[in-house]
């Protein structure tokens, strides 16, 4: 098991209103030209990521892509 935090970009078809930002941990930005809503955020594990994907499923939104962007390793204070 790892203590790493992963950053992801999740693309959804259509425009998701800014009011939904809190539901998705404040991670919404829009690509208006392409009609895509992009969620970005840091997730501590696969269960946290799956929680966001489950919300997308329950809202009957069309998932276009999920991409892991980076890894953040925890700082260890000695």
PDB file of N, CA and C in Angstrom:
ATOM      1  N   UNK A   1       0.847  -1.180   0.000  1.00  0.00           N
ATOM      2  CA  UNK A   1       0.000   0.000   0.000  1.00  0.00           C
ATOM      3  C   UNK A   1       0.889   1.239   0.000  1.00  0.00           C
ATOM      4  N   UNK A   2       0.447   2.253  -0.711  1.00  0.00           N
ATOM      5  CA  UNK A   2       1.253   3.456  -0.908  1.00  0.00           C
ATOM      6  C   UNK A   2       0.598   4.656  -0.228  1.00  0.00           C
ATOM      7  N   UNK A   3       1.436   5.602   0.201  1.00  0.00           N
ATOM      8  CA  UNK A   3       0.935   6.851   0.773  1.00  0.00           C
ATOM      9  C   UNK A   3       0.893   7.955  -0.278  1.00  0.00           C
ATOM     10  N   UNK A   4       1.061   7.612  -1.546  1.00  0.00           N
ATOM     11  CA  UNK A   4       1.085   8.600  -2.612  1.00  0.00           C
ATOM     12  C   UNK A   4      -0.312   9.130  -2.912  1.00  0.00           C
ATOM     13  N   UNK A   5      -0.377  10.391  -3.324  1.00  0.00           N
ATOM     14  CA  UNK A   5      -1.613  11.014  -3.779  1.00  0.00           C
ATOM     15  C   UNK A   5      -1.504  11.190  -5.276  1.00  0.00           C
ATOM     16  N   UNK A   6      -2.540  10.808  -5.988  1.00  0.00           N
ATOM     17  CA  UNK A   6      -2.531  10.906  -7.432  1.00  0.00           C
ATOM     18  C   UNK A   6      -3.435  12.030  -7.902  1.00  0.00           C
ATOM     19  N   UNK A   7      -3.006  12.715  -8.937  1.00  0.00           N
ATOM     20  CA  UNK A   7      -3.792  13.762  -9.569  1.00  0.00           C
ATOM     21  C   UNK A   7      -4.390  13.193 -10.850  1.00  0.00           C
ATOM     22  N   UNK A   8      -5.697  13.408 -11.040  1.00  0.00           N
ATOM     23  CA  UNK A   8      -6.397  12.878 -12.206  1.00  0.00           C
ATOM     24  C   UNK A   8      -7.152  13.971 -12.929  1.00  0.00           C
ATOM     25  N   UNK A   9      -7.367  13.759 -14.222  1.00  0.00           N
ATOM     26  CA  UNK A   9      -8.228  14.580 -15.044  1.00  0.00           C
ATOM     27  C   UNK A   9      -9.333  13.668 -15.568  1.00  0.00           C
ATOM     28  N   UNK A  10     -10.577  14.049 -15.324  1.00  0.00           N
ATOM     29  CA  UNK A  10     -11.736  13.259 -15.733  1.00  0.00           C
ATOM     30  C   UNK A  10     -12.565  14.123 -16.670  1.00  0.00           C
ATOM     31  N   UNK A  11     -12.791  13.642 -17.895  1.00  0.00           N
ATOM     32  CA  UNK A  11     -13.543  14.401 -18.897  1.00  0.00           C
ATOM     33  C   UNK A  11     -14.944  13.823 -19.045  1.00  0.00           C
ATOM     34  N   UNK A  12     -15.933  14.725 -19.021  1.00  0.00           N
ATOM     35  CA  UNK A  12     -17.340  14.358 -19.119  1.00  0.00           C
ATOM     36  C   UNK A  12     -17.954  15.122 -20.282  1.00  0.00           C
ATOM     37  N   UNK A  13     -18.794  14.445 -21.046  1.00  0.00           N
ATOM     38  CA  UNK A  13     -19.476  15.087 -22.164  1.00  0.00           C
ATOM     39  C   UNK A  13     -20.503  16.087 -21.656  1.00  0.00           C
ATOM     40  N   UNK A  14     -20.541  17.259 -22.278  1.00  0.00           N
ATOM     41  CA  UNK A  14     -21.523  18.279 -21.930  1.00  0.00           C
ATOM     42  C   UNK A  14     -21.003  19.259 -20.888  1.00  0.00           C
ATOM     43  N   UNK A  15     -21.840  20.228 -20.585  1.00  0.00           N
ATOM     44  CA  UNK A  15     -21.490  21.278 -19.630  1.00  0.00           C
ATOM     45  C   UNK A  15     -22.132  20.983 -18.277  1.00  0.00           C
ATOM     46  N   UNK A  16     -21.324  20.861 -17.272  1.00  0.00           N
ATOM     47  CA  UNK A  16     -21.784  20.660 -15.905  1.00  0.00           C
ATOM     48  C   UNK A  16     -21.701  22.011 -15.205  1.00  0.00           C
ATOM     49  N   UNK A  17     -22.806  22.474 -14.664  1.00  0.00           N
ATOM     50  CA  UNK A  17     -22.863  23.796 -14.039  1.00  0.00           C
ATOM     51  C   UNK A  17     -21.874  23.907 -12.882  1.00  0.00           C
ATOM     52  N   UNK A  18     -21.364  25.115 -12.671  1.00  0.00           N
ATOM     53  CA  UNK A  18     -20.413  25.378 -11.582  1.00  0.00           C
ATOM     54  C   UNK A  18     -20.993  25.004 -10.220  1.00  0.00           C
ATOM     55  N   UNK A  19     -22.305  25.037 -10.090  1.00  0.00           N
ATOM     56  CA  UNK A  19     -22.956  24.675  -8.834  1.00  0.00           C
ATOM     57  C   UNK A  19     -22.670  23.254  -8.378  1.00  0.00           C
ATOM     58  N   UNK A  20     -22.243  22.393  -9.301  1.00  0.00           N
ATOM     59  CA  UNK A  20     -21.912  21.013  -8.967  1.00  0.00           C
ATOM     60  C   UNK A  20     -20.489  20.885  -8.424  1.00  0.00           C
ATOM     61  N   UNK A  21     -19.736  21.963  -8.432  1.00  0.00           N
ATOM     62  CA  UNK A  21     -18.333  21.911  -8.028  1.00  0.00           C
ATOM     63  C   UNK A  21     -18.135  21.313  -6.632  1.00  0.00           C
ATOM     64  N   UNK A  22     -18.968  21.707  -5.678  1.00  0.00           N
ATOM     65  CA  UNK A  22     -18.842  21.169  -4.319  1.00  0.00           C
ATOM     66  C   UNK A  22     -19.070  19.661  -4.287  1.00  0.00           C
ATOM     67  N   UNK A  23     -19.972  19.180  -5.123  1.00  0.00           N
ATOM     68  CA  UNK A  23     -20.270  17.745  -5.164  1.00  0.00           C
ATOM     69  C   UNK A  23     -19.070  16.958  -5.660  1.00  0.00           C
ATOM     70  N   UNK A  24     -18.250  17.610  -6.477  1.00  0.00           N
ATOM     71  CA  UNK A  24     -17.051  16.975  -7.014  1.00  0.00           C
ATOM     72  C   UNK A  24     -15.787  17.557  -6.397  1.00  0.00           C
ATOM     73  N   UNK A  25     -15.856  17.908  -5.138  1.00  0.00           N
ATOM     74  CA  UNK A  25     -14.704  18.395  -4.364  1.00  0.00           C
ATOM     75  C   UNK A  25     -14.071  19.640  -4.975  1.00  0.00           C
ATOM     76  N   UNK A  26     -14.891  20.525  -5.571  1.00  0.00           N
ATOM     77  CA  UNK A  26     -14.397  21.795  -6.094  1.00  0.00           C
ATOM     78  C   UNK A  26     -13.465  21.671  -7.283  1.00  0.00           C
ATOM     79  N   UNK A  27     -13.611  20.613  -8.073  1.00  0.00           N
ATOM     80  CA  UNK A  27     -12.618  20.335  -9.112  1.00  0.00           C
ATOM     81  C   UNK A  27     -13.135  20.511 -10.539  1.00  0.00           C
ATOM     82  N   UNK A  28     -14.111  21.377 -10.771  1.00  0.00           N
ATOM     83  CA  UNK A  28     -14.688  21.525 -12.105  1.00  0.00           C
ATOM     84  C   UNK A  28     -14.067  22.693 -12.858  1.00  0.00           C
ATOM     85  N   UNK A  29     -13.738  22.424 -14.114  1.00  0.00           N
ATOM     86  CA  UNK A  29     -13.422  23.506 -15.044  1.00  0.00           C
ATOM     87  C   UNK A  29     -14.051  23.136 -16.384  1.00  0.00           C
ATOM     88  N   UNK A  30     -14.309  24.118 -17.224  1.00  0.00           N
ATOM     89  CA  UNK A  30     -15.003  23.875 -18.480  1.00  0.00           C
ATOM     90  C   UNK A  30     -14.111  24.114 -19.684  1.00  0.00           C
ATOM     91  N   UNK A  31     -14.280  23.285 -20.692  1.00  0.00           N
ATOM     92  CA  UNK A  31     -13.698  23.503 -22.003  1.00  0.00           C
ATOM     93  C   UNK A  31     -14.877  23.782 -22.927  1.00  0.00           C
ATOM     94  N   UNK A  32     -15.306  25.041 -22.967  1.00  0.00           N
ATOM     95  CA  UNK A  32     -16.537  25.426 -23.653  1.00  0.00           C
ATOM     96  C   UNK A  32     -16.474  25.127 -25.149  1.00  0.00           C
ATOM     97  N   UNK A  33     -15.337  25.320 -25.778  1.00  0.00           N
ATOM     98  CA  UNK A  33     -15.214  25.132 -27.222  1.00  0.00           C
ATOM     99  C   UNK A  33     -15.565  23.708 -27.640  1.00  0.00           C
ATOM    100  N   UNK A  34     -15.235  22.753 -26.812  1.00  0.00           N
ATOM    101  CA  UNK A  34     -15.484  21.348 -27.139  1.00  0.00           C
ATOM    102  C   UNK A  34     -16.717  20.777 -26.442  1.00  0.00           C
ATOM    103  N   UNK A  35     -17.393  21.570 -25.626  1.00  0.00           N
ATOM    104  CA  UNK A  35     -18.559  21.073 -24.908  1.00  0.00           C
ATOM    105  C   UNK A  35     -18.229  19.968 -23.922  1.00  0.00           C
ATOM    106  N   UNK A  36     -17.097  20.108 -23.254  1.00  0.00           N
ATOM    107  CA  UNK A  36     -16.619  19.095 -22.320  1.00  0.00           C
ATOM    108  C   UNK A  36     -16.430  19.720 -20.942  1.00  0.00           C
ATOM    109  N   UNK A  37     -16.844  19.001 -19.908  1.00  0.00           N
ATOM    110  CA  UNK A  37     -16.534  19.402 -18.539  1.00  0.00           C
ATOM    111  C   UNK A  37     -15.352  18.571 -18.075  1.00  0.00           C
ATOM    112  N   UNK A  38     -14.358  19.238 -17.505  1.00  0.00           N
ATOM    113  CA  UNK A  38     -13.162  18.561 -17.031  1.00  0.00           C
ATOM    114  C   UNK A  38     -13.094  18.689 -15.512  1.00  0.00           C
ATOM    115  N   UNK A  39     -12.999  17.562 -14.842  1.00  0.00           N
ATOM    116  CA  UNK A  39     -12.813  17.528 -13.391  1.00  0.00           C
ATOM    117  C   UNK A  39     -11.351  17.202 -13.139  1.00  0.00           C
ATOM    118  N   UNK A  40     -10.707  17.968 -12.277  1.00  0.00           N
ATOM    119  CA  UNK A  40      -9.333  17.651 -11.899  1.00  0.00           C
ATOM    120  C   UNK A  40      -9.245  17.617 -10.386  1.00  0.00           C
ATOM    121  N   UNK A  41      -8.450  16.718  -9.879  1.00  0.00           N
ATOM    122  CA  UNK A  41      -8.307  16.645  -8.437  1.00  0.00           C
ATOM    123  C   UNK A  41      -7.289  15.618  -8.002  1.00  0.00           C
ATOM    124  N   UNK A  42      -6.975  15.659  -6.724  1.00  0.00           N
ATOM    125  CA  UNK A  42      -6.035  14.725  -6.103  1.00  0.00           C
ATOM    126  C   UNK A  42      -6.838  13.684  -5.331  1.00  0.00           C
ATOM    127  N   UNK A  43      -6.488  12.432  -5.504  1.00  0.00           N
ATOM    128  CA  UNK A  43      -7.182  11.345  -4.830  1.00  0.00           C
ATOM    129  C   UNK A  43      -6.161  10.500  -4.084  1.00  0.00           C
ATOM    130  N   UNK A  44      -6.459  10.199  -2.842  1.00  0.00           N
ATOM    131  CA  UNK A  44      -5.500   9.483  -2.002  1.00  0.00           C
ATOM    132  C   UNK A  44      -5.390   8.009  -2.355  1.00  0.00           C
ATOM    133  N   UNK A  45      -6.431   7.463  -2.995  1.00  0.00           N
ATOM    134  CA  UNK A  45      -6.391   6.059  -3.378  1.00  0.00           C
ATOM    135  C   UNK A  45      -7.433   5.779  -4.450  1.00  0.00           C
ATOM    136  N   UNK A  46      -7.464   4.547  -4.914  1.00  0.00           N
ATOM    137  CA  UNK A  46      -8.399   4.160  -5.960  1.00  0.00           C
ATOM    138  C   UNK A  46      -9.851   4.247  -5.488  1.00  0.00           C
ATOM    139  N   UNK A  47     -10.091   4.033  -4.215  1.00  0.00           N
ATOM    140  CA  UNK A  47     -11.455   4.129  -3.681  1.00  0.00           C
ATOM    141  C   UNK A  47     -11.987   5.558  -3.798  1.00  0.00           C
ATOM    142  N   UNK A  48     -11.141   6.551  -3.564  1.00  0.00           N
ATOM    143  CA  UNK A  48     -11.561   7.946  -3.694  1.00  0.00           C
ATOM    144  C   UNK A  48     -11.879   8.276  -5.150  1.00  0.00           C
ATOM    145  N   UNK A  49     -11.061   7.806  -6.062  1.00  0.00           N
ATOM    146  CA  UNK A  49     -11.312   8.006  -7.488  1.00  0.00           C
ATOM    147  C   UNK A  49     -12.609   7.315  -7.889  1.00  0.00           C
ATOM    148  N   UNK A  50     -12.802   6.099  -7.428  1.00  0.00           N
ATOM    149  CA  UNK A  50     -14.014   5.354  -7.747  1.00  0.00           C
ATOM    150  C   UNK A  50     -15.257   6.069  -7.227  1.00  0.00           C
ATOM    151  N   UNK A  51     -15.139   6.752  -6.087  1.00  0.00           N
ATOM    152  CA  UNK A  51     -16.264   7.517  -5.545  1.00  0.00           C
ATOM    153  C   UNK A  51     -16.717   8.605  -6.508  1.00  0.00           C
ATOM    154  N   UNK A  52     -15.771   9.309  -7.125  1.00  0.00           N
ATOM    155  CA  UNK A  52     -16.106  10.338  -8.113  1.00  0.00           C
ATOM    156  C   UNK A  52     -16.724   9.695  -9.349  1.00  0.00           C
ATOM    157  N   UNK A  53     -16.146   8.590  -9.810  1.00  0.00           N
ATOM    158  CA  UNK A  53     -16.690   7.908 -10.983  1.00  0.00           C
ATOM    159  C   UNK A  53     -18.095   7.376 -10.716  1.00  0.00           C
ATOM    160  N   UNK A  54     -18.366   6.965  -9.500  1.00  0.00           N
ATOM    161  CA  UNK A  54     -19.703   6.509  -9.125  1.00  0.00           C
ATOM    162  C   UNK A  54     -20.697   7.662  -9.177  1.00  0.00           C
ATOM    163  N   UNK A  55     -20.304   8.836  -8.715  1.00  0.00           N
ATOM    164  CA  UNK A  55     -21.179  10.016  -8.803  1.00  0.00           C
ATOM    165  C   UNK A  55     -21.513  10.328 -10.261  1.00  0.00           C
ATOM    166  N   UNK A  56     -20.507  10.248 -11.127  1.00  0.00           N
ATOM    167  CA  UNK A  56     -20.721  10.493 -12.552  1.00  0.00           C
ATOM    168  C   UNK A  56     -21.736   9.484 -13.099  1.00  0.00           C
ATOM    169  N   UNK A  57     -21.593   8.240 -12.716  1.00  0.00           N
ATOM    170  CA  UNK A  57     -22.512   7.188 -13.155  1.00  0.00           C
ATOM    171  C   UNK A  57     -23.939   7.454 -12.663  1.00  0.00           C
ATOM    172  N   UNK A  58     -24.083   7.782 -11.393  1.00  0.00           N
ATOM    173  CA  UNK A  58     -25.415   8.026 -10.822  1.00  0.00           C
ATOM    174  C   UNK A  58     -26.107   9.234 -11.449  1.00  0.00           C
ATOM    175  N   UNK A  59     -25.327  10.217 -11.915  1.00  0.00           N
ATOM    176  CA  UNK A  59     -25.888  11.386 -12.588  1.00  0.00           C
ATOM    177  C   UNK A  59     -26.170  11.118 -14.070  1.00  0.00           C
ATOM    178  N   UNK A  60     -25.865   9.902 -14.518  1.00  0.00           N
ATOM    179  CA  UNK A  60     -26.083   9.492 -15.915  1.00  0.00           C
ATOM    180  C   UNK A  60     -25.314  10.391 -16.888  1.00  0.00           C
ATOM    181  N   UNK A  61     -24.098  10.770 -16.499  1.00  0.00           N
ATOM    182  CA  UNK A  61     -23.237  11.583 -17.351  1.00  0.00           C
ATOM    183  C   UNK A  61     -22.386  10.669 -18.224  1.00  0.00           C
ATOM    184  N   UNK A  62     -21.967  11.156 -19.381  1.00  0.00           N
ATOM    185  CA  UNK A  62     -21.143  10.369 -20.290  1.00  0.00           C
ATOM    186  C   UNK A  62     -19.667  10.618 -19.985  1.00  0.00           C
ATOM    187  N   UNK A  63     -18.993   9.584 -19.521  1.00  0.00           N
ATOM    188  CA  UNK A  63     -17.570   9.646 -19.214  1.00  0.00           C
ATOM    189  C   UNK A  63     -16.779   9.509 -20.503  1.00  0.00           C
ATOM    190  N   UNK A  64     -15.916  10.466 -20.781  1.00  0.00           N
ATOM    191  CA  UNK A  64     -15.112  10.446 -21.998  1.00  0.00           C
ATOM    192  C   UNK A  64     -13.699   9.926 -21.757  1.00  0.00           C
ATOM    193  N   UNK A  65     -13.104  10.308 -20.620  1.00  0.00           N
ATOM    194  CA  UNK A  65     -11.721   9.905 -20.368  1.00  0.00           C
ATOM    195  C   UNK A  65     -11.366  10.083 -18.900  1.00  0.00           C
ATOM    196  N   UNK A  66     -10.442   9.245 -18.432  1.00  0.00           N
ATOM    197  CA  UNK A  66      -9.832   9.384 -17.111  1.00  0.00           C
ATOM    198  C   UNK A  66      -8.328   9.264 -17.330  1.00  0.00           C
ATOM    199  N   UNK A  67      -7.590  10.267 -16.871  1.00  0.00           N
ATOM    200  CA  UNK A  67      -6.143  10.283 -17.091  1.00  0.00           C
ATOM    201  C   UNK A  67      -5.426  10.636 -15.799  1.00  0.00           C
ATOM    202  N   UNK A  68      -4.451   9.813 -15.411  1.00  0.00           N
ATOM    203  CA  UNK A  68      -3.621  10.142 -14.253  1.00  0.00           C
ATOM    204  C   UNK A  68      -2.560  11.122 -14.703  1.00  0.00           C
ATOM    205  N   UNK A  69      -2.490  12.262 -14.020  1.00  0.00           N
ATOM    206  CA  UNK A  69      -1.590  13.339 -14.413  1.00  0.00           C
ATOM    207  C   UNK A  69      -0.249  13.285 -13.710  1.00  0.00           C
ATOM    208  N   UNK A  70      -0.261  13.050 -12.400  1.00  0.00           N
ATOM    209  CA  UNK A  70       0.990  13.106 -11.654  1.00  0.00           C
ATOM    210  C   UNK A  70       0.835  12.366 -10.333  1.00  0.00           C
ATOM    211  N   UNK A  71       1.936  12.207  -9.686  1.00  0.00           N
ATOM    212  CA  UNK A  71       1.962  11.569  -8.375  1.00  0.00           C
ATOM    213  C   UNK A  71       2.618  12.540  -7.403  1.00  0.00           C
ATOM    214  N   UNK A  72       2.053  12.660  -6.218  1.00  0.00           N
ATOM    215  CA  UNK A  72       2.646  13.494  -5.173  1.00  0.00           C
ATOM    216  C   UNK A  72       3.010  12.578  -4.020  1.00  0.00           C
ATOM    217  N   UNK A  73       4.274  12.516  -3.727  1.00  0.00           N
ATOM    218  CA  UNK A  73       4.726  11.698  -2.617  1.00  0.00           C
ATOM    219  C   UNK A  73       4.644  12.501  -1.337  1.00  0.00           C
ATOM    220  N   UNK A  74       4.229  11.874  -0.263  1.00  0.00           N
ATOM    221  CA  UNK A  74       4.111  12.607   1.000  1.00  0.00           C
ATOM    222  C   UNK A  74       5.461  13.045   1.508  1.00  0.00           C
ATOM    223  N   UNK A  75       5.479  14.182   2.173  1.00  0.00           N
ATOM    224  CA  UNK A  75       6.725  14.628   2.797  1.00  0.00           C
ATOM    225  C   UNK A  75       6.844  13.949   4.142  1.00  0.00           C
ATOM    226  N   UNK A  76       8.028  13.486   4.439  1.00  0.00           N
ATOM    227  CA  UNK A  76       8.295  12.806   5.712  1.00  0.00           C
ATOM    228  C   UNK A  76       9.164  13.702   6.568  1.00  0.00           C
ATOM    229  N   UNK A  77       8.624  14.108   7.683  1.00  0.00           N
ATOM    230  CA  UNK A  77       9.377  14.938   8.632  1.00  0.00           C
ATOM    231  C   UNK A  77      10.102  14.031   9.606  1.00  0.00           C
ATOM    232  N   UNK A  78      11.399  14.162   9.685  1.00  0.00           N
ATOM    233  CA  UNK A  78      12.177  13.321  10.591  1.00  0.00           C
ATOM    234  C   UNK A  78      12.324  13.953  11.936  1.00  0.00           C
TER     235      UNK A  78
END
